[in-house]
PDB file of all heavy atoms in Angstrom:
ATOM      1  N   SER A   1      -6.964   6.699   3.390  1.00  0.00           N
ATOM      2  CA  SER A   1      -7.120   5.399   4.076  1.00  0.00           C
ATOM      3  C   SER A   1      -7.296   4.241   3.093  1.00  0.00           C
ATOM      4  O   SER A   1      -7.037   3.086   3.445  1.00  0.00           O
ATOM      5  CB  SER A   1      -8.330   5.448   5.027  1.00  0.00           C
ATOM      6  OG  SER A   1      -9.506   5.760   4.306  1.00  0.00           O
ATOM      7  N   LEU A   2      -7.709   4.544   1.866  1.00  0.00           N
ATOM      8  CA  LEU A   2      -7.909   3.485   0.883  1.00  0.00           C
ATOM      9  C   LEU A   2      -6.597   2.848   0.435  1.00  0.00           C
ATOM     10  O   LEU A   2      -6.600   1.747  -0.127  1.00  0.00           O
ATOM     11  CB  LEU A   2      -8.695   4.002  -0.326  1.00  0.00           C
ATOM     12  CG  LEU A   2     -10.160   4.349  -0.027  1.00  0.00           C
ATOM     13  CD1 LEU A   2     -10.848   4.905  -1.243  1.00  0.00           C
ATOM     14  CD2 LEU A   2     -10.910   3.119   0.477  1.00  0.00           C
ATOM     15  N   PHE A   3      -5.468   3.534   0.684  1.00  0.00           N
ATOM     16  CA  PHE A   3      -4.178   2.914   0.392  1.00  0.00           C
ATOM     17  C   PHE A   3      -3.896   1.748   1.341  1.00  0.00           C
ATOM     18  O   PHE A   3      -3.002   0.941   1.090  1.00  0.00           O
ATOM     19  CB  PHE A   3      -3.054   3.947   0.511  1.00  0.00           C
ATOM     20  CG  PHE A   3      -2.890   4.819  -0.724  1.00  0.00           C
ATOM     21  CD1 PHE A   3      -3.705   5.931  -0.912  1.00  0.00           C
ATOM     22  CD2 PHE A   3      -1.916   4.536  -1.668  1.00  0.00           C
ATOM     23  CE1 PHE A   3      -3.558   6.727  -2.032  1.00  0.00           C
ATOM     24  CE2 PHE A   3      -1.761   5.339  -2.802  1.00  0.00           C
ATOM     25  CZ  PHE A   3      -2.577   6.435  -2.979  1.00  0.00           C
ATOM     26  N   LYS A   4      -4.669   1.648   2.429  1.00  0.00           N
ATOM     27  CA  LYS A   4      -4.516   0.523   3.354  1.00  0.00           C
ATOM     28  C   LYS A   4      -5.297  -0.700   2.897  1.00  0.00           C
ATOM     29  O   LYS A   4      -4.926  -1.832   3.202  1.00  0.00           O
ATOM     30  CB  LYS A   4      -4.988   0.922   4.750  1.00  0.00           C
ATOM     31  CG  LYS A   4      -4.125   1.977   5.427  1.00  0.00           C
ATOM     32  CD  LYS A   4      -4.631   2.282   6.837  1.00  0.00           C
ATOM     33  CE  LYS A   4      -3.736   3.278   7.538  1.00  0.00           C
ATOM     34  NZ  LYS A   4      -4.199   3.570   8.928  1.00  0.00           N
ATOM     35  N   SER A   5      -6.382  -0.473   2.186  1.00  0.00           N
ATOM     36  CA  SER A   5      -7.292  -1.573   1.872  1.00  0.00           C
ATOM     37  C   SER A   5      -7.365  -1.908   0.387  1.00  0.00           C
ATOM     38  O   SER A   5      -7.922  -2.954   0.018  1.00  0.00           O
ATOM     39  CB  SER A   5      -8.704  -1.239   2.366  1.00  0.00           C
ATOM     40  OG  SER A   5      -9.133   0.004   1.827  1.00  0.00           O
ATOM     41  N   HIS A   6      -6.822  -1.066  -0.476  1.00  0.00           N
ATOM     42  CA  HIS A   6      -6.923  -1.274  -1.917  1.00  0.00           C
ATOM     43  C   HIS A   6      -5.573  -1.051  -2.595  1.00  0.00           C
ATOM     44  O   HIS A   6      -4.729  -0.329  -2.076  1.00  0.00           O
ATOM     45  CB  HIS A   6      -7.953  -0.325  -2.543  1.00  0.00           C
ATOM     46  CG  HIS A   6      -9.353  -0.556  -2.073  1.00  0.00           C
ATOM     47  ND1 HIS A   6      -9.794  -0.203  -0.814  1.00  0.00           N
ATOM     48  CD2 HIS A   6     -10.409  -1.132  -2.694  1.00  0.00           C
ATOM     49  CE1 HIS A   6     -11.068  -0.537  -0.689  1.00  0.00           C
ATOM     50  NE2 HIS A   6     -11.466  -1.112  -1.796  1.00  0.00           N
ATOM     51  N   LYS A   7      -5.426  -1.660  -3.752  1.00  0.00           N
ATOM     52  CA  LYS A   7      -4.234  -1.441  -4.588  1.00  0.00           C
ATOM     53  C   LYS A   7      -4.537  -0.254  -5.501  1.00  0.00           C
ATOM     54  O   LYS A   7      -5.345  -0.365  -6.438  1.00  0.00           O
ATOM     55  CB  LYS A   7      -3.946  -2.707  -5.391  1.00  0.00           C
ATOM     56  CG  LYS A   7      -2.554  -2.770  -5.997  1.00  0.00           C
ATOM     57  CD  LYS A   7      -2.314  -4.157  -6.591  1.00  0.00           C
ATOM     58  CE  LYS A   7      -0.903  -4.289  -7.134  1.00  0.00           C
ATOM     59  NZ  LYS A   7      -0.649  -5.658  -7.641  1.00  0.00           N
ATOM     60  N   ILE A   8      -3.941   0.875  -5.209  1.00  0.00           N
ATOM     61  CA  ILE A   8      -4.244   2.119  -5.939  1.00  0.00           C
ATOM     62  C   ILE A   8      -3.260   2.264  -7.097  1.00  0.00           C
ATOM     63  O   ILE A   8      -2.124   2.701  -6.923  1.00  0.00           O
ATOM     64  CB  ILE A   8      -4.158   3.354  -5.000  1.00  0.00           C
ATOM     65  CG1 ILE A   8      -4.961   3.113  -3.706  1.00  0.00           C
ATOM     66  CG2 ILE A   8      -4.627   4.604  -5.716  1.00  0.00           C
ATOM     67  CD1 ILE A   8      -6.429   2.908  -3.902  1.00  0.00           C
ATOM     68  N   LEU A   9      -3.693   1.893  -8.297  1.00  0.00           N
ATOM     69  CA  LEU A   9      -2.822   1.910  -9.465  1.00  0.00           C
ATOM     70  C   LEU A   9      -3.540   2.477 -10.674  1.00  0.00           C
ATOM     71  O   LEU A   9      -4.697   2.167 -10.926  1.00  0.00           O
ATOM     72  CB  LEU A   9      -2.325   0.507  -9.788  1.00  0.00           C
ATOM     73  CG  LEU A   9      -1.024   0.035  -9.111  1.00  0.00           C
ATOM     74  CD1 LEU A   9      -0.779  -1.436  -9.436  1.00  0.00           C
ATOM     75  CD2 LEU A   9       0.141   0.883  -9.573  1.00  0.00           C
ATOM     76  N   SER A  10      -2.813   3.303 -11.440  1.00  0.00           N
ATOM     77  CA  SER A  10      -3.335   3.820 -12.713  1.00  0.00           C
ATOM     78  C   SER A  10      -2.483   3.298 -13.856  1.00  0.00           C
ATOM     79  O   SER A  10      -2.380   3.932 -14.904  1.00  0.00           O
ATOM     80  CB  SER A  10      -3.317   5.355 -12.707  1.00  0.00           C
ATOM     81  OG  SER A  10      -4.137   5.864 -11.694  1.00  0.00           O
ATOM     82  N   SER A  11      -1.880   2.148 -13.642  1.00  0.00           N
ATOM     83  CA  SER A  11      -0.976   1.572 -14.629  1.00  0.00           C
ATOM     84  C   SER A  11      -1.053   0.064 -14.549  1.00  0.00           C
ATOM     85  O   SER A  11      -1.311  -0.502 -13.491  1.00  0.00           O
ATOM     86  CB  SER A  11       0.453   2.023 -14.358  1.00  0.00           C
ATOM     87  OG  SER A  11       1.387   1.317 -15.141  1.00  0.00           O
ATOM     88  N   GLU A  12      -0.848  -0.575 -15.697  1.00  0.00           N
ATOM     89  CA  GLU A  12      -0.827  -2.038 -15.711  1.00  0.00           C
ATOM     90  C   GLU A  12       0.579  -2.579 -15.504  1.00  0.00           C
ATOM     91  O   GLU A  12       0.772  -3.810 -15.422  1.00  0.00           O
ATOM     92  CB  GLU A  12      -1.388  -2.551 -17.044  1.00  0.00           C
ATOM     93  CG  GLU A  12      -2.882  -2.257 -17.226  1.00  0.00           C
ATOM     94  CD  GLU A  12      -3.436  -2.836 -18.504  1.00  0.00           C
ATOM     95  OE1 GLU A  12      -2.642  -3.404 -19.288  1.00  0.00           O
ATOM     96  OE2 GLU A  12      -4.665  -2.723 -18.726  1.00  0.00           O
ATOM     97  N   ALA A  13       1.560  -1.676 -15.398  1.00  0.00           N
ATOM     98  CA  ALA A  13       2.941  -2.104 -15.175  1.00  0.00           C
ATOM     99  C   ALA A  13       3.101  -2.675 -13.775  1.00  0.00           C
ATOM    100  O   ALA A  13       2.358  -2.329 -12.843  1.00  0.00           O
ATOM    101  CB  ALA A  13       3.892  -0.921 -15.377  1.00  0.00           C
ATOM    102  N   SER A  14       4.069  -3.557 -13.619  1.00  0.00           N
ATOM    103  CA  SER A  14       4.348  -4.132 -12.299  1.00  0.00           C
ATOM    104  C   SER A  14       5.076  -3.110 -11.438  1.00  0.00           C
ATOM    105  O   SER A  14       5.813  -2.260 -11.939  1.00  0.00           O
ATOM    106  CB  SER A  14       5.230  -5.368 -12.456  1.00  0.00           C
ATOM    107  OG  SER A  14       4.576  -6.363 -13.216  1.00  0.00           O
ATOM    108  N   ALA A  15       4.847  -3.196 -10.144  1.00  0.00           N
ATOM    109  CA  ALA A  15       5.492  -2.269  -9.226  1.00  0.00           C
ATOM    110  C   ALA A  15       6.984  -2.591  -9.110  1.00  0.00           C
ATOM    111  O   ALA A  15       7.360  -3.739  -8.922  1.00  0.00           O
ATOM    112  CB  ALA A  15       4.839  -2.352  -7.855  1.00  0.00           C
ATOM    113  N   GLU A  16       7.825  -1.558  -9.238  1.00  0.00           N
ATOM    114  CA  GLU A  16       9.258  -1.712  -9.016  1.00  0.00           C
ATOM    115  C   GLU A  16       9.573  -1.788  -7.530  1.00  0.00           C
ATOM    116  O   GLU A  16      10.537  -2.412  -7.110  1.00  0.00           O
ATOM    117  CB  GLU A  16      10.020  -0.555  -9.655  1.00  0.00           C
ATOM    118  CG  GLU A  16       9.980  -0.552 -11.176  1.00  0.00           C
ATOM    119  CD  GLU A  16      10.849   0.555 -11.766  1.00  0.00           C
ATOM    120  OE1 GLU A  16      11.550   1.245 -10.997  1.00  0.00           O
ATOM    121  OE2 GLU A  16      10.833   0.713 -12.990  1.00  0.00           O
ATOM    122  N   VAL A  17       8.743  -1.119  -6.747  1.00  0.00           N
ATOM    123  CA  VAL A  17       8.899  -1.136  -5.296  1.00  0.00           C
ATOM    124  C   VAL A  17       7.544  -0.886  -4.660  1.00  0.00           C
ATOM    125  O   VAL A  17       6.668  -0.262  -5.279  1.00  0.00           O
ATOM    126  CB  VAL A  17       9.920  -0.063  -4.839  1.00  0.00           C
ATOM    127  CG1 VAL A  17       9.393   1.335  -5.082  1.00  0.00           C
ATOM    128  CG2 VAL A  17      10.311  -0.234  -3.373  1.00  0.00           C
ATOM    129  N   ILE A  18       7.345  -1.416  -3.474  1.00  0.00           N
ATOM    130  CA  ILE A  18       6.127  -1.129  -2.708  1.00  0.00           C
ATOM    131  C   ILE A  18       6.565  -0.415  -1.428  1.00  0.00           C
ATOM    132  O   ILE A  18       7.191  -1.020  -0.557  1.00  0.00           O
ATOM    133  CB  ILE A  18       5.356  -2.413  -2.366  1.00  0.00           C
ATOM    134  CG1 ILE A  18       4.978  -3.169  -3.637  1.00  0.00           C
ATOM    135  CG2 ILE A  18       4.084  -2.054  -1.560  1.00  0.00           C
ATOM    136  CD1 ILE A  18       4.383  -4.544  -3.373  1.00  0.00           C
ATOM    137  N   PHE A  19       6.259   0.878  -1.355  1.00  0.00           N
ATOM    138  CA  PHE A  19       6.556   1.617  -0.131  1.00  0.00           C
ATOM    139  C   PHE A  19       5.415   1.377   0.854  1.00  0.00           C
ATOM    140  O   PHE A  19       4.236   1.294   0.459  1.00  0.00           O
ATOM    141  CB  PHE A  19       6.678   3.114  -0.423  1.00  0.00           C
ATOM    142  CG  PHE A  19       7.916   3.473  -1.206  1.00  0.00           C
ATOM    143  CD1 PHE A  19       7.837   4.252  -2.339  1.00  0.00           C
ATOM    144  CD2 PHE A  19       9.159   3.029  -0.785  1.00  0.00           C
ATOM    145  CE1 PHE A  19       8.972   4.597  -3.053  1.00  0.00           C
ATOM    146  CE2 PHE A  19      10.309   3.365  -1.492  1.00  0.00           C
ATOM    147  CZ  PHE A  19      10.216   4.155  -2.641  1.00  0.00           C
ATOM    148  N   SER A  20       5.754   1.273   2.131  1.00  0.00           N
ATOM    149  CA  SER A  20       4.724   1.023   3.133  1.00  0.00           C
ATOM    150  C   SER A  20       4.914   1.991   4.308  1.00  0.00           C
ATOM    151  O   SER A  20       6.020   2.443   4.598  1.00  0.00           O
ATOM    152  CB  SER A  20       4.800  -0.415   3.643  1.00  0.00           C
ATOM    153  OG  SER A  20       6.082  -0.693   4.192  1.00  0.00           O
ATOM    154  N   SER A  21       3.801   2.300   4.947  1.00  0.00           N
ATOM    155  CA  SER A  21       3.822   3.221   6.088  1.00  0.00           C
ATOM    156  C   SER A  21       4.218   2.478   7.349  1.00  0.00           C
ATOM    157  O   SER A  21       4.139   1.253   7.418  1.00  0.00           O
ATOM    158  CB  SER A  21       2.446   3.877   6.264  1.00  0.00           C
ATOM    159  OG  SER A  21       1.470   2.888   6.575  1.00  0.00           O
ATOM    160  N   SER A  22       4.607   3.232   8.362  1.00  0.00           N
ATOM    161  CA  SER A  22       4.863   2.623   9.658  1.00  0.00           C
ATOM    162  C   SER A  22       3.531   2.362  10.330  1.00  0.00           C
ATOM    163  O   SER A  22       2.523   3.013  10.036  1.00  0.00           O
ATOM    164  CB  SER A  22       5.726   3.539  10.527  1.00  0.00           C
ATOM    165  OG  SER A  22       5.098   4.798  10.682  1.00  0.00           O
ATOM    166  N   GLY A  23       3.509   1.422  11.252  1.00  0.00           N
ATOM    167  CA  GLY A  23       2.266   1.114  11.955  1.00  0.00           C
ATOM    168  C   GLY A  23       2.565   0.321  13.203  1.00  0.00           C
ATOM    169  O   GLY A  23       3.562  -0.383  13.283  1.00  0.00           O
ATOM    170  N   THR A  24       1.686   0.433  14.176  1.00  0.00           N
ATOM    171  CA  THR A  24       1.840  -0.366  15.385  1.00  0.00           C
ATOM    172  C   THR A  24       1.436  -1.799  15.107  1.00  0.00           C
ATOM    173  O   THR A  24       0.758  -2.099  14.123  1.00  0.00           O
ATOM    174  CB  THR A  24       0.983   0.207  16.530  1.00  0.00           C
ATOM    175  OG1 THR A  24      -0.392   0.269  16.079  1.00  0.00           O
ATOM    176  CG2 THR A  24       1.448   1.597  16.912  1.00  0.00           C
ATOM    177  N   THR A  25       1.852  -2.698  15.953  1.00  0.00           N
ATOM    178  CA  THR A  25       1.555  -4.114  15.767  1.00  0.00           C
ATOM    179  C   THR A  25       0.045  -4.339  15.647  1.00  0.00           C
ATOM    180  O   THR A  25      -0.730  -3.869  16.466  1.00  0.00           O
ATOM    181  CB  THR A  25       2.099  -4.932  16.947  1.00  0.00           C
ATOM    182  OG1 THR A  25       3.500  -4.678  17.061  1.00  0.00           O
ATOM    183  CG2 THR A  25       1.863  -6.412  16.735  1.00  0.00           C
ATOM    184  N   GLY A  26      -0.332  -5.039  14.588  1.00  0.00           N
ATOM    185  CA  GLY A  26      -1.737  -5.368  14.408  1.00  0.00           C
ATOM    186  C   GLY A  26      -2.513  -4.360  13.585  1.00  0.00           C
ATOM    187  O   GLY A  26      -3.646  -4.627  13.191  1.00  0.00           O
ATOM    188  N   THR A  27      -1.915  -3.202  13.314  1.00  0.00           N
ATOM    189  CA  THR A  27      -2.614  -2.221  12.493  1.00  0.00           C
ATOM    190  C   THR A  27      -2.258  -2.404  11.028  1.00  0.00           C
ATOM    191  O   THR A  27      -1.161  -2.853  10.691  1.00  0.00           O
ATOM    192  CB  THR A  27      -2.263  -0.779  12.920  1.00  0.00           C
ATOM    193  OG1 THR A  27      -0.856  -0.582  12.743  1.00  0.00           O
ATOM    194  CG2 THR A  27      -2.637  -0.537  14.363  1.00  0.00           C
ATOM    195  N   GLN A  28      -3.184  -2.035  10.179  1.00  0.00           N
ATOM    196  CA  GLN A  28      -2.986  -2.160   8.750  1.00  0.00           C
ATOM    197  C   GLN A  28      -2.169  -0.977   8.251  1.00  0.00           C
ATOM    198  O   GLN A  28      -2.413   0.170   8.647  1.00  0.00           O
ATOM    199  CB  GLN A  28      -4.339  -2.210   8.041  1.00  0.00           C
ATOM    200  CG  GLN A  28      -4.296  -2.818   6.652  1.00  0.00           C
ATOM    201  CD  GLN A  28      -5.684  -3.067   6.098  1.00  0.00           C
ATOM    202  OE1 GLN A  28      -6.670  -2.626   6.671  1.00  0.00           O
ATOM    203  NE2 GLN A  28      -5.774  -3.763   4.987  1.00  0.00           N
ATOM    204  N   THR A  29      -1.183  -1.238   7.397  1.00  0.00           N
ATOM    205  CA  THR A  29      -0.339  -0.158   6.889  1.00  0.00           C
ATOM    206  C   THR A  29      -0.723   0.194   5.462  1.00  0.00           C
ATOM    207  O   THR A  29      -1.256  -0.635   4.720  1.00  0.00           O
ATOM    208  CB  THR A  29       1.148  -0.571   6.919  1.00  0.00           C
ATOM    209  OG1 THR A  29       1.319  -1.762   6.132  1.00  0.00           O
ATOM    210  CG2 THR A  29       1.593  -0.847   8.349  1.00  0.00           C
ATOM    211  N   SER A  30      -0.419   1.428   5.092  1.00  0.00           N
ATOM    212  CA  SER A  30      -0.643   1.855   3.710  1.00  0.00           C
ATOM    213  C   SER A  30       0.441   1.273   2.816  1.00  0.00           C
ATOM    214  O   SER A  30       1.603   1.138   3.221  1.00  0.00           O
ATOM    215  CB  SER A  30      -0.591   3.380   3.629  1.00  0.00           C
ATOM    216  OG  SER A  30      -1.694   3.955   4.263  1.00  0.00           O
TER     217      SER A  30
END
């Protein structure tokens, strides 16, 4: 669930892509 509220990174490199989960309207996605 922390992937919904925090940026989980073990690298200082910039993200090449941000994958996101599906979610219903109004819900927070990973």
